[in-house]
Amino acid sequence: MLAETLARTLVLGAALDEIKAQFGTYDLRAHWTQGEFHHDLVVETSAGVVVIATNCNGGIKEVLVFEEVPERYALWRWRCPHVSDFSGELAPILQRAVTPHWFDPCEILAEDARSELREEFRERQKGGGWTCRNGH
């Protein structure tokens, strides 16, 4: 299973190398951040669309495989259905694997979520999590 194989690499660079080894190429479709500590890298391969969720250091938390590029906020609605800012219907997940880096992603959305940004330099994102305030 592709998701399991990529998850076992544990880091983004090695996962992308594995994709290249298996498929020869891939197309980067999106890179979404939610808060300071979550990245979703969306890559299209000949075997489907892979979403590689990483922490801020490139450590893989979760790998999902879809037939098509999922909607960003539908993906987050699936992860955190109690957050009203997230909406949309998620396409069927064909494969899923998590790693030891995984933790409940809803934790980074809380009002009191940990941040490395000083209060005056951060703002909340849609759905939660902190990002740099514009201009900083």
N, C-alpha and C. Protein backbone atom coordinates (compact mmCIF):
# COMPACT_ATOMS: atom_id res chain seq x y z
N MET A 1 0.84 -1.18 0.00
CA MET A 1 0.00 0.00 0.00
C MET A 1 0.89 1.25 0.00
N LEU A 2 0.57 2.16 -0.87
CA LEU A 2 1.37 3.37 -1.03
C LEU A 2 1.42 4.19 0.25
N ALA A 3 0.28 4.40 0.89
CA ALA A 3 0.25 5.22 2.11
C ALA A 3 1.18 4.64 3.18
N GLU A 4 1.13 3.33 3.38
CA GLU A 4 1.99 2.68 4.39
C GLU A 4 3.47 2.82 4.02
N THR A 5 3.79 2.62 2.76
CA THR A 5 5.18 2.73 2.31
C THR A 5 5.72 4.13 2.56
N LEU A 6 4.95 5.14 2.21
CA LEU A 6 5.39 6.52 2.40
C LEU A 6 5.47 6.88 3.88
N ALA A 7 4.51 6.42 4.66
CA ALA A 7 4.52 6.71 6.10
C ALA A 7 5.76 6.13 6.77
N ARG A 8 6.18 4.96 6.33
CA ARG A 8 7.36 4.32 6.93
C ARG A 8 8.64 5.12 6.71
N THR A 9 8.67 6.01 5.73
CA THR A 9 9.87 6.82 5.51
C THR A 9 10.06 7.84 6.63
N LEU A 10 8.98 8.24 7.26
CA LEU A 10 8.93 9.15 8.41
C LEU A 10 9.28 10.61 8.13
N VAL A 11 9.90 10.92 7.00
CA VAL A 11 10.24 12.32 6.69
C VAL A 11 9.87 12.65 5.25
N LEU A 12 9.51 13.89 5.03
CA LEU A 12 9.00 14.33 3.73
C LEU A 12 9.99 14.08 2.60
N GLY A 13 11.23 14.43 2.77
CA GLY A 13 12.21 14.26 1.69
C GLY A 13 12.31 12.82 1.23
N ALA A 14 12.38 11.91 2.18
CA ALA A 14 12.46 10.48 1.83
C ALA A 14 11.17 10.00 1.16
N ALA A 15 10.02 10.53 1.59
CA ALA A 15 8.75 10.14 0.97
C ALA A 15 8.71 10.61 -0.49
N LEU A 16 9.15 11.82 -0.75
CA LEU A 16 9.17 12.32 -2.13
C LEU A 16 10.15 11.52 -2.98
N ASP A 17 11.28 11.14 -2.39
CA ASP A 17 12.23 10.28 -3.11
C ASP A 17 11.59 8.94 -3.45
N GLU A 18 10.82 8.38 -2.52
CA GLU A 18 10.13 7.11 -2.76
C GLU A 18 9.09 7.25 -3.87
N ILE A 19 8.36 8.37 -3.88
CA ILE A 19 7.39 8.61 -4.95
C ILE A 19 8.11 8.66 -6.30
N LYS A 20 9.23 9.36 -6.35
CA LYS A 20 9.99 9.45 -7.61
C LYS A 20 10.51 8.07 -8.03
N ALA A 21 10.96 7.28 -7.08
CA ALA A 21 11.46 5.94 -7.39
C ALA A 21 10.35 5.05 -7.94
N GLN A 22 9.16 5.16 -7.37
CA GLN A 22 8.05 4.31 -7.81
C GLN A 22 7.38 4.77 -9.10
N PHE A 23 7.27 6.10 -9.27
CA PHE A 23 6.46 6.63 -10.37
C PHE A 23 7.24 7.50 -11.35
N GLY A 24 8.49 7.80 -11.06
CA GLY A 24 9.30 8.59 -11.96
C GLY A 24 9.11 10.09 -11.81
N THR A 25 7.91 10.49 -11.45
CA THR A 25 7.63 11.91 -11.33
C THR A 25 6.37 12.11 -10.50
N TYR A 26 6.13 13.34 -10.11
CA TYR A 26 4.89 13.73 -9.45
C TYR A 26 4.67 15.21 -9.72
N ASP A 27 3.44 15.66 -9.54
CA ASP A 27 3.11 17.07 -9.69
C ASP A 27 2.67 17.61 -8.33
N LEU A 28 3.29 18.70 -7.90
CA LEU A 28 2.88 19.36 -6.67
C LEU A 28 1.60 20.13 -6.96
N ARG A 29 0.52 19.78 -6.26
CA ARG A 29 -0.77 20.42 -6.48
C ARG A 29 -1.08 21.50 -5.44
N ALA A 30 -0.60 21.33 -4.21
CA ALA A 30 -0.88 22.32 -3.17
C ALA A 30 0.04 22.10 -1.98
N HIS A 31 0.23 23.18 -1.24
CA HIS A 31 0.90 23.12 0.06
C HIS A 31 0.10 24.02 0.99
N TRP A 32 -0.59 23.39 1.94
CA TRP A 32 -1.46 24.11 2.86
C TRP A 32 -0.86 24.04 4.25
N THR A 33 -0.91 25.14 4.98
CA THR A 33 -0.52 25.13 6.38
C THR A 33 -1.74 25.43 7.23
N GLN A 34 -1.78 24.81 8.39
CA GLN A 34 -2.82 25.11 9.36
C GLN A 34 -2.10 25.27 10.69
N GLY A 35 -2.07 26.49 11.17
CA GLY A 35 -1.28 26.77 12.35
C GLY A 35 0.20 26.73 12.01
N GLU A 36 1.01 26.82 13.03
CA GLU A 36 2.46 26.83 12.82
C GLU A 36 3.05 25.45 12.63
N PHE A 37 2.30 24.43 13.02
CA PHE A 37 2.91 23.11 13.15
C PHE A 37 2.29 22.03 12.27
N HIS A 38 1.51 22.42 11.26
CA HIS A 38 0.91 21.42 10.40
C HIS A 38 1.01 21.86 8.94
N HIS A 39 1.50 20.95 8.11
CA HIS A 39 1.59 21.18 6.67
C HIS A 39 0.93 20.00 5.97
N ASP A 40 0.17 20.30 4.91
CA ASP A 40 -0.37 19.28 4.02
C ASP A 40 0.25 19.52 2.65
N LEU A 41 1.05 18.58 2.20
CA LEU A 41 1.63 18.64 0.86
C LEU A 41 0.80 17.71 -0.02
N VAL A 42 0.26 18.25 -1.10
CA VAL A 42 -0.62 17.50 -1.99
C VAL A 42 0.13 17.25 -3.30
N VAL A 43 0.39 15.97 -3.58
CA VAL A 43 1.12 15.60 -4.79
C VAL A 43 0.29 14.62 -5.61
N GLU A 44 0.34 14.81 -6.93
CA GLU A 44 -0.38 13.91 -7.82
C GLU A 44 0.61 12.96 -8.47
N THR A 45 0.28 11.68 -8.44
CA THR A 45 1.09 10.64 -9.06
C THR A 45 0.21 9.87 -10.04
N SER A 46 0.81 8.97 -10.76
CA SER A 46 0.02 8.14 -11.67
C SER A 46 -0.89 7.17 -10.90
N ALA A 47 -0.64 7.00 -9.60
CA ALA A 47 -1.45 6.10 -8.77
C ALA A 47 -2.52 6.83 -7.98
N GLY A 48 -2.59 8.15 -8.10
CA GLY A 48 -3.58 8.93 -7.36
C GLY A 48 -2.96 10.15 -6.73
N VAL A 49 -3.75 10.81 -5.93
CA VAL A 49 -3.32 12.02 -5.24
C VAL A 49 -2.96 11.65 -3.81
N VAL A 50 -1.78 12.07 -3.40
CA VAL A 50 -1.28 11.77 -2.07
C VAL A 50 -1.21 13.05 -1.26
N VAL A 51 -1.79 13.02 -0.06
CA VAL A 51 -1.66 14.13 0.88
C VAL A 51 -0.72 13.65 1.98
N ILE A 52 0.41 14.33 2.11
CA ILE A 52 1.39 14.00 3.14
C ILE A 52 1.31 15.10 4.19
N ALA A 53 0.83 14.75 5.36
CA ALA A 53 0.72 15.71 6.46
C ALA A 53 1.99 15.62 7.30
N THR A 54 2.62 16.78 7.50
CA THR A 54 3.87 16.81 8.26
C THR A 54 3.80 17.82 9.39
N ASN A 55 4.73 17.68 10.32
CA ASN A 55 4.93 18.71 11.33
C ASN A 55 5.85 19.78 10.75
N CYS A 56 6.20 20.77 11.53
CA CYS A 56 6.99 21.89 11.01
C CYS A 56 8.41 21.48 10.65
N ASN A 57 8.86 20.31 11.07
CA ASN A 57 10.20 19.83 10.76
C ASN A 57 10.23 18.83 9.61
N GLY A 58 9.10 18.64 8.95
CA GLY A 58 9.05 17.69 7.84
C GLY A 58 8.85 16.25 8.27
N GLY A 59 8.55 16.03 9.55
CA GLY A 59 8.25 14.68 10.02
C GLY A 59 6.84 14.31 9.62
N ILE A 60 6.69 13.18 8.96
CA ILE A 60 5.37 12.76 8.47
C ILE A 60 4.50 12.30 9.62
N LYS A 61 3.27 12.85 9.65
CA LYS A 61 2.27 12.47 10.65
C LYS A 61 1.24 11.52 10.05
N GLU A 62 0.85 11.79 8.81
CA GLU A 62 -0.25 11.05 8.19
C GLU A 62 -0.07 11.09 6.68
N VAL A 63 -0.47 10.00 6.03
CA VAL A 63 -0.47 9.93 4.57
C VAL A 63 -1.85 9.46 4.13
N LEU A 64 -2.45 10.21 3.22
CA LEU A 64 -3.77 9.88 2.68
C LEU A 64 -3.67 9.77 1.16
N VAL A 65 -4.42 8.86 0.58
CA VAL A 65 -4.45 8.72 -0.88
C VAL A 65 -5.90 8.89 -1.34
N PHE A 66 -6.06 9.71 -2.38
CA PHE A 66 -7.36 10.01 -2.99
C PHE A 66 -7.28 9.80 -4.49
N GLU A 67 -8.43 9.74 -5.13
CA GLU A 67 -8.47 9.72 -6.60
C GLU A 67 -8.22 11.11 -7.17
N GLU A 68 -8.65 12.14 -6.43
CA GLU A 68 -8.53 13.52 -6.91
C GLU A 68 -8.09 14.41 -5.75
N VAL A 69 -7.67 15.62 -6.08
CA VAL A 69 -7.24 16.56 -5.05
C VAL A 69 -8.42 16.88 -4.14
N PRO A 70 -8.25 16.66 -2.84
CA PRO A 70 -9.35 16.97 -1.93
C PRO A 70 -9.47 18.47 -1.71
N GLU A 71 -10.64 18.89 -1.26
CA GLU A 71 -10.82 20.28 -0.87
C GLU A 71 -10.15 20.48 0.49
N ARG A 72 -9.39 21.56 0.61
CA ARG A 72 -8.65 21.81 1.85
C ARG A 72 -9.53 21.77 3.09
N TYR A 73 -10.59 22.55 3.09
CA TYR A 73 -11.40 22.65 4.31
C TYR A 73 -12.33 21.45 4.50
N ALA A 74 -12.59 20.70 3.45
CA ALA A 74 -13.31 19.43 3.61
C ALA A 74 -12.41 18.43 4.33
N LEU A 75 -11.12 18.45 4.00
CA LEU A 75 -10.16 17.58 4.69
C LEU A 75 -10.11 17.93 6.17
N TRP A 76 -10.07 19.21 6.49
CA TRP A 76 -10.05 19.61 7.89
C TRP A 76 -11.39 19.35 8.59
N ARG A 77 -12.48 19.42 7.85
CA ARG A 77 -13.78 19.07 8.44
C ARG A 77 -13.80 17.60 8.83
N TRP A 78 -13.20 16.75 7.99
CA TRP A 78 -13.10 15.33 8.31
C TRP A 78 -12.23 15.12 9.56
N ARG A 79 -11.14 15.87 9.65
CA ARG A 79 -10.25 15.74 10.81
C ARG A 79 -10.89 16.28 12.08
N CYS A 80 -11.57 17.41 11.97
CA CYS A 80 -12.11 18.10 13.15
C CYS A 80 -13.56 18.51 12.85
N PRO A 81 -14.47 17.57 12.88
CA PRO A 81 -15.86 17.86 12.48
C PRO A 81 -16.57 18.87 13.38
N HIS A 82 -16.07 19.12 14.57
CA HIS A 82 -16.71 20.06 15.49
C HIS A 82 -16.39 21.53 15.18
N VAL A 83 -15.45 21.79 14.26
CA VAL A 83 -15.05 23.16 13.93
C VAL A 83 -15.95 23.69 12.82
N SER A 84 -16.77 24.68 13.15
CA SER A 84 -17.78 25.18 12.21
C SER A 84 -17.19 25.93 11.02
N ASP A 85 -15.95 26.41 11.12
CA ASP A 85 -15.32 27.11 9.99
C ASP A 85 -15.01 26.18 8.83
N PHE A 86 -14.93 24.89 9.09
CA PHE A 86 -14.58 23.93 8.05
C PHE A 86 -15.85 23.37 7.43
N SER A 87 -15.84 23.24 6.09
CA SER A 87 -17.01 22.71 5.41
C SER A 87 -16.56 22.00 4.14
N GLY A 88 -17.51 21.35 3.52
CA GLY A 88 -17.25 20.65 2.26
C GLY A 88 -17.32 19.15 2.44
N GLU A 89 -17.47 18.49 1.32
CA GLU A 89 -17.54 17.03 1.31
C GLU A 89 -16.20 16.48 0.86
N LEU A 90 -15.65 15.60 1.65
CA LEU A 90 -14.37 15.00 1.33
C LEU A 90 -14.56 13.82 0.39
N ALA A 91 -13.75 13.80 -0.66
CA ALA A 91 -13.74 12.64 -1.56
C ALA A 91 -13.32 11.41 -0.76
N PRO A 92 -13.70 10.23 -1.22
CA PRO A 92 -13.34 9.02 -0.48
C PRO A 92 -11.83 8.86 -0.29
N ILE A 93 -11.44 8.51 0.92
CA ILE A 93 -10.04 8.23 1.21
C ILE A 93 -9.80 6.78 0.80
N LEU A 94 -8.86 6.58 -0.11
CA LEU A 94 -8.56 5.25 -0.62
C LEU A 94 -7.59 4.49 0.30
N GLN A 95 -6.65 5.23 0.88
CA GLN A 95 -5.67 4.65 1.80
C GLN A 95 -5.33 5.69 2.86
N ARG A 96 -4.97 5.20 4.05
CA ARG A 96 -4.54 6.10 5.13
C ARG A 96 -3.52 5.36 6.00
N ALA A 97 -2.49 6.08 6.39
CA ALA A 97 -1.51 5.56 7.33
C ALA A 97 -1.06 6.70 8.23
N VAL A 98 -0.82 6.40 9.49
CA VAL A 98 -0.29 7.38 10.44
C VAL A 98 1.05 6.86 10.96
N THR A 99 1.82 7.78 11.53
CA THR A 99 3.16 7.45 12.04
C THR A 99 3.23 7.79 13.53
N PRO A 100 4.35 7.50 14.16
CA PRO A 100 4.52 7.89 15.56
C PRO A 100 4.49 9.41 15.78
N HIS A 101 4.64 10.19 14.71
CA HIS A 101 4.57 11.65 14.82
C HIS A 101 3.12 12.15 14.92
N TRP A 102 2.14 11.28 14.64
CA TRP A 102 0.74 11.69 14.61
C TRP A 102 0.25 12.07 16.00
N PHE A 103 -0.57 13.10 16.04
CA PHE A 103 -1.34 13.47 17.23
C PHE A 103 -2.63 14.09 16.72
N ASP A 104 -3.60 14.22 17.57
CA ASP A 104 -4.89 14.77 17.17
C ASP A 104 -4.69 16.17 16.60
N PRO A 105 -4.92 16.38 15.30
CA PRO A 105 -4.66 17.69 14.70
C PRO A 105 -5.58 18.79 15.23
N CYS A 106 -6.69 18.42 15.86
CA CYS A 106 -7.59 19.44 16.42
C CYS A 106 -6.92 20.21 17.56
N GLU A 107 -5.90 19.62 18.17
CA GLU A 107 -5.21 20.29 19.27
C GLU A 107 -4.56 21.60 18.85
N ILE A 108 -4.12 21.69 17.60
CA ILE A 108 -3.44 22.92 17.16
C ILE A 108 -4.42 24.04 16.83
N LEU A 109 -5.72 23.75 16.89
CA LEU A 109 -6.74 24.73 16.53
C LEU A 109 -7.31 25.49 17.73
N ALA A 110 -7.03 25.02 18.92
CA ALA A 110 -7.61 25.60 20.14
C ALA A 110 -7.15 27.04 20.35
N GLU A 111 -7.99 27.81 21.03
CA GLU A 111 -7.64 29.21 21.36
C GLU A 111 -6.34 29.29 22.15
N ASP A 112 -6.09 28.29 22.98
CA ASP A 112 -4.88 28.31 23.81
C ASP A 112 -3.79 27.40 23.24
N ALA A 113 -3.85 27.14 21.93
CA ALA A 113 -2.84 26.29 21.29
C ALA A 113 -1.46 26.93 21.43
N ARG A 114 -0.48 26.07 21.58
CA ARG A 114 0.91 26.52 21.70
C ARG A 114 1.31 27.31 20.46
N SER A 115 2.11 28.33 20.68
CA SER A 115 2.61 29.14 19.57
C SER A 115 4.03 29.59 19.88
N GLU A 116 4.84 29.67 18.85
CA GLU A 116 6.18 30.22 18.99
C GLU A 116 6.21 31.68 18.56
N LEU A 117 5.06 32.21 18.16
CA LEU A 117 4.96 33.61 17.75
C LEU A 117 4.46 34.46 18.92
N ARG A 118 5.09 35.60 19.13
CA ARG A 118 4.59 36.51 20.16
C ARG A 118 3.20 37.00 19.77
N GLU A 119 2.38 37.27 20.79
CA GLU A 119 0.98 37.65 20.54
C GLU A 119 0.83 38.78 19.54
N GLU A 120 1.67 39.79 19.62
CA GLU A 120 1.52 40.94 18.73
C GLU A 120 1.89 40.63 17.28
N PHE A 121 2.49 39.48 17.03
CA PHE A 121 2.90 39.11 15.67
C PHE A 121 2.11 37.94 15.08
N ARG A 122 1.03 37.54 15.73
CA ARG A 122 0.27 36.40 15.23
C ARG A 122 -1.21 36.72 15.13
N GLU A 123 -1.89 35.92 14.30
CA GLU A 123 -3.34 36.02 14.16
C GLU A 123 -3.89 34.62 13.93
N ARG A 124 -5.18 34.46 14.21
CA ARG A 124 -5.82 33.16 14.05
C ARG A 124 -6.13 32.91 12.58
N GLN A 125 -6.01 31.68 12.18
CA GLN A 125 -6.40 31.27 10.84
C GLN A 125 -7.86 30.84 10.85
N LYS A 126 -8.44 30.75 9.68
CA LYS A 126 -9.78 30.18 9.54
C LYS A 126 -9.75 28.78 10.16
N GLY A 127 -10.63 28.52 11.08
CA GLY A 127 -10.70 27.22 11.73
C GLY A 127 -9.82 27.08 12.95
N GLY A 128 -8.83 27.95 13.10
CA GLY A 128 -7.96 27.88 14.26
C GLY A 128 -6.51 27.66 13.88
N GLY A 129 -5.67 27.82 14.86
CA GLY A 129 -4.23 27.77 14.63
C GLY A 129 -3.69 29.17 14.42
N TRP A 130 -2.42 29.34 14.65
CA TRP A 130 -1.78 30.65 14.55
C TRP A 130 -0.93 30.77 13.30
N THR A 131 -0.91 31.97 12.74
CA THR A 131 -0.06 32.28 11.62
C THR A 131 0.50 33.68 11.83
N CYS A 132 1.56 34.02 11.10
CA CYS A 132 2.15 35.36 11.22
C CYS A 132 1.14 36.41 10.77
N ARG A 133 1.06 37.47 11.56
CA ARG A 133 0.23 38.60 11.17
C ARG A 133 0.84 39.22 9.92
N ASN A 134 0.02 39.71 9.01
CA ASN A 134 0.52 40.31 7.76
C ASN A 134 1.58 41.35 8.06
N GLY A 135 2.64 41.29 7.26
CA GLY A 135 3.71 42.27 7.39
C GLY A 135 4.81 41.86 8.35
N HIS A 136 4.67 40.73 9.02
CA HIS A 136 5.71 40.31 9.97
C HIS A 136 6.26 38.96 9.62
